[in-house]
């Protein structure tokens, strides 16, 4: 089990930065879905989390191939790209997620 936390002070500078970072992490997770499938079959797990101060990358498994999974994630992170269709899909999902969070009474009360 290995956990990496990539910290950036830019994320908390504005609400727009937080949403853009959330969008970035979701697109990155989407892009990794197909290439990381073999790792999933080999019972290696990974999770990308948009943390409060940066990107959290968790990799887990009992296999000597774990560094290859981490390298795959880093490769996709360093060579980040997306299509307009993927961007549109992810932003629509995030809009629904934000809406569902904001309509909860306890969230509105805060």
Protein backbone atom coordinates (compact mmCIF):
# COMPACT_ATOMS: atom_id res chain seq x y z
CA UNK A 1 0.00 0.00 0.00
CA UNK A 2 1.57 3.29 -1.11
CA UNK A 3 0.06 6.75 -0.91
CA UNK A 4 1.41 9.87 -2.64
CA UNK A 5 0.15 13.35 -1.94
CA UNK A 6 1.03 15.98 -4.56
CA UNK A 7 0.41 19.34 -2.91
CA UNK A 8 -0.29 22.64 -4.69
CA UNK A 9 -1.14 25.99 -3.05
CA UNK A 10 -3.03 27.05 -6.20
CA UNK A 11 -6.00 24.78 -5.53
CA UNK A 12 -7.38 26.70 -2.55
CA UNK A 13 -6.92 30.17 -4.09
CA UNK A 14 -10.41 30.32 -5.58
CA UNK A 15 -13.61 28.34 -6.03
CA UNK A 16 -12.86 28.23 -9.75
CA UNK A 17 -9.50 26.54 -9.09
CA UNK A 18 -11.18 23.93 -6.89
CA UNK A 19 -13.72 23.09 -9.61
CA UNK A 20 -11.02 22.98 -12.31
CA UNK A 21 -8.91 20.67 -10.14
CA UNK A 22 -11.92 18.44 -9.50
CA UNK A 23 -12.54 18.32 -13.26
CA UNK A 24 -8.88 17.50 -13.90
CA UNK A 25 -8.87 14.57 -11.45
CA UNK A 26 -12.10 13.17 -12.87
CA UNK A 27 -10.82 13.36 -16.45
CA UNK A 28 -7.55 11.73 -15.39
CA UNK A 29 -9.48 8.90 -13.70
CA UNK A 30 -11.60 8.48 -16.83
CA UNK A 31 -8.49 8.36 -19.05
CA UNK A 32 -6.92 5.66 -16.86
CA UNK A 33 -9.98 3.39 -16.94
CA UNK A 34 -9.04 1.31 -19.96
CA UNK A 35 -5.21 1.22 -19.62
CA UNK A 36 -5.41 0.24 -15.94
CA UNK A 37 -7.91 -2.56 -16.55
CA UNK A 38 -5.17 -5.21 -16.61
CA UNK A 39 -3.97 -4.02 -13.22
CA UNK A 40 -7.50 -4.44 -11.90
CA UNK A 41 -7.60 -8.00 -13.23
CA UNK A 42 -4.28 -8.65 -11.45
CA UNK A 43 -5.94 -7.41 -8.21
CA UNK A 44 -3.91 -4.22 -8.07
CA UNK A 45 -5.90 -1.21 -6.99
CA UNK A 46 -5.48 2.50 -7.45
CA UNK A 47 -7.47 5.54 -6.49
CA UNK A 48 -7.11 9.19 -7.45
CA UNK A 49 -8.59 11.66 -4.98
CA UNK A 50 -8.98 15.41 -5.35
CA UNK A 51 -7.84 16.27 -1.85
CA UNK A 52 -8.20 19.64 -0.18
CA UNK A 53 -4.59 20.59 -0.91
CA UNK A 54 -3.70 18.43 -3.91
CA UNK A 55 -3.85 15.14 -5.72
CA UNK A 56 -3.75 11.96 -3.65
CA UNK A 57 -2.64 8.83 -5.50
CA UNK A 58 -3.14 5.50 -3.72
CA UNK A 59 -1.85 2.22 -5.12
CA UNK A 60 -2.36 -1.11 -3.39
CA UNK A 61 -1.62 -4.76 -4.04
CA UNK A 62 0.65 -7.74 -3.37
CA UNK A 63 2.45 -7.82 -6.66
CA UNK A 64 5.82 -6.86 -8.06
CA UNK A 65 3.92 -5.05 -10.85
CA UNK A 66 2.73 -2.30 -8.48
CA UNK A 67 5.50 0.11 -9.62
CA UNK A 68 4.31 -0.37 -13.22
CA UNK A 69 0.81 0.70 -12.23
CA UNK A 70 2.18 3.77 -10.50
CA UNK A 71 4.33 4.55 -13.54
CA UNK A 72 1.23 4.30 -15.76
CA UNK A 73 -0.58 6.83 -13.55
CA UNK A 74 2.40 9.20 -13.59
CA UNK A 75 2.71 8.87 -17.38
CA UNK A 76 -0.94 9.82 -17.85
CA UNK A 77 -0.54 12.65 -15.34
CA UNK A 78 2.50 14.10 -17.09
CA UNK A 79 1.01 13.71 -20.59
CA UNK A 80 -2.51 14.87 -19.68
CA UNK A 81 -4.94 15.36 -22.56
CA UNK A 82 -8.67 15.12 -23.20
CA UNK A 83 -11.24 15.47 -25.93
CA UNK A 84 -14.08 18.01 -25.87
CA UNK A 85 -16.56 15.11 -25.57
CA UNK A 86 -14.86 13.78 -22.42
CA UNK A 87 -14.70 17.28 -20.96
CA UNK A 88 -18.42 17.79 -21.61
CA UNK A 89 -19.30 14.41 -20.08
CA UNK A 90 -17.22 15.02 -16.93
CA UNK A 91 -18.53 18.56 -16.42
CA UNK A 92 -22.13 17.34 -16.70
CA UNK A 93 -21.42 14.64 -14.10
CA UNK A 94 -19.80 17.17 -11.78
CA UNK A 95 -22.73 19.59 -12.15
CA UNK A 96 -25.10 16.81 -11.05
CA UNK A 97 -22.80 15.86 -8.17
CA UNK A 98 -22.52 19.46 -6.95
CA UNK A 99 -26.27 19.95 -7.27
CA UNK A 100 -27.00 16.77 -5.27
CA UNK A 101 -24.59 17.89 -2.54
CA UNK A 102 -26.05 21.39 -2.36
CA UNK A 103 -29.71 20.34 -2.11
CA UNK A 104 -29.16 18.40 1.11
CA UNK A 105 -30.75 20.27 4.05
CA UNK A 106 -27.69 19.92 6.30
CA UNK A 107 -25.47 21.45 3.58
CA UNK A 108 -27.90 24.33 3.05
CA UNK A 109 -28.01 24.95 6.79
CA UNK A 110 -24.23 25.38 6.88
